[in-house]
Amino acid sequence: MDVISDHLVEFAVHPKGDNSMANWISSIPYESHHDFACQNLLAGSGQWLFDSDEFISWDRADPLTSTVLWLHGIPGSGKTSLVALAIQRERKRLTDTKAQLAFFYCQRSSAEPQRSKQRELLCSLLRQLAFDKNGGLKEPVRTLYEKKKKDAALAQHEVQMFTDEEVITLLVKLFKMRNTTIMIDALDEMVRDERPTLYEVFDNISERLRDSNSTDNRHAVLRLLVSSRNDRDIVLKLSSYRNVCIGVEKNREDIREFVKRELKKSIRGYQLLVDTPEDQQQAILESIERTLVAKAQGMYVSSSLTSSCGKGH
């Protein structure tokens, strides 16, 4: 990885409640990305994943080993929705445990190019894990930042950003402090040339944690959930881990509920069955639903498709 040692940022101590330190570590609006992913979630969807043997065994990871779960499928199969549901589920459990969670929604976008960069992903994870419940910096991050601030004062220049290696080292130290769950959506959206480096980073982190767990009395678990399409490099890297292929049989009921909702929206918006006698509507709706679910082939169907299916009724 390239070390961003020449990237300088002006920073001073800010009063409690100011978000400047968090933004100094990473400016990725990860909460906004999560909110967007949750906008159209269906209540009760995704339960098939949480009930699967693969998810349960990943969720109940052996305290001596870290573990990976890979969700993969075709475009439009609902991978992002499943990751969002998994994040929601984990957050509810965090209120009763001392575990920690961080996540990242990758996306290849000209509006947000940083969402496809591996350094930005790692810095975002660091930001999410760097603060305690009172908003204070946790020890390893605070110590390194104070050293950088002192060095900057002596050299009379601005405080330097954490280098790539420093980010990785801080993440390892934070992972050692308590059990951690990391969720990464749409790994295939990351710049292809940067993916091998990210694989190396997580291999490095896992190795350091294993070495630490073998010598310390405390055993911290790192659980990693990743979603992606079946790009060749990702398949080669992740197919040996626990994995769930999101296909027609597994998400059929979620697709069915999605179709029902879209049909209801079309009816309320007067886009469907406008001139159909009321006593015929139910039979026609059931016919449209069956047709759309069968044609979906495991993909979520857009509302425009439900509208076009209803033309002529």
Foldseek 3Di string as FASTA:
>chain_A
DDWPFPDFDADDDDDPPDCVVLVLLAVDPQVVVLCVLQPPADPPAPVLVCPDPLNVPLVVDDLLAAAEEEEAEDPQLCQSNNLSVVVVVVVVCVVVDVEFEFEAEAACDPVCNLSQAPLNRLSRRCSRQQADPSGHGDPVVVVVQVVQVVVCVVVVHGRTHQISVRSLVSVLVSQQVAAYEYEYEANVRHDPVCVVVNLVSVVVSRVVLSVVSVPDPRGYYYYYYYYHYPDPVCCVSDVVGHYDYQWLVSRLVVLLVLLVVLLVVCVVVCLACVPPPPVCVVVVSVVLSVVCSVVCGSGRDDSVVSSVSRPPD
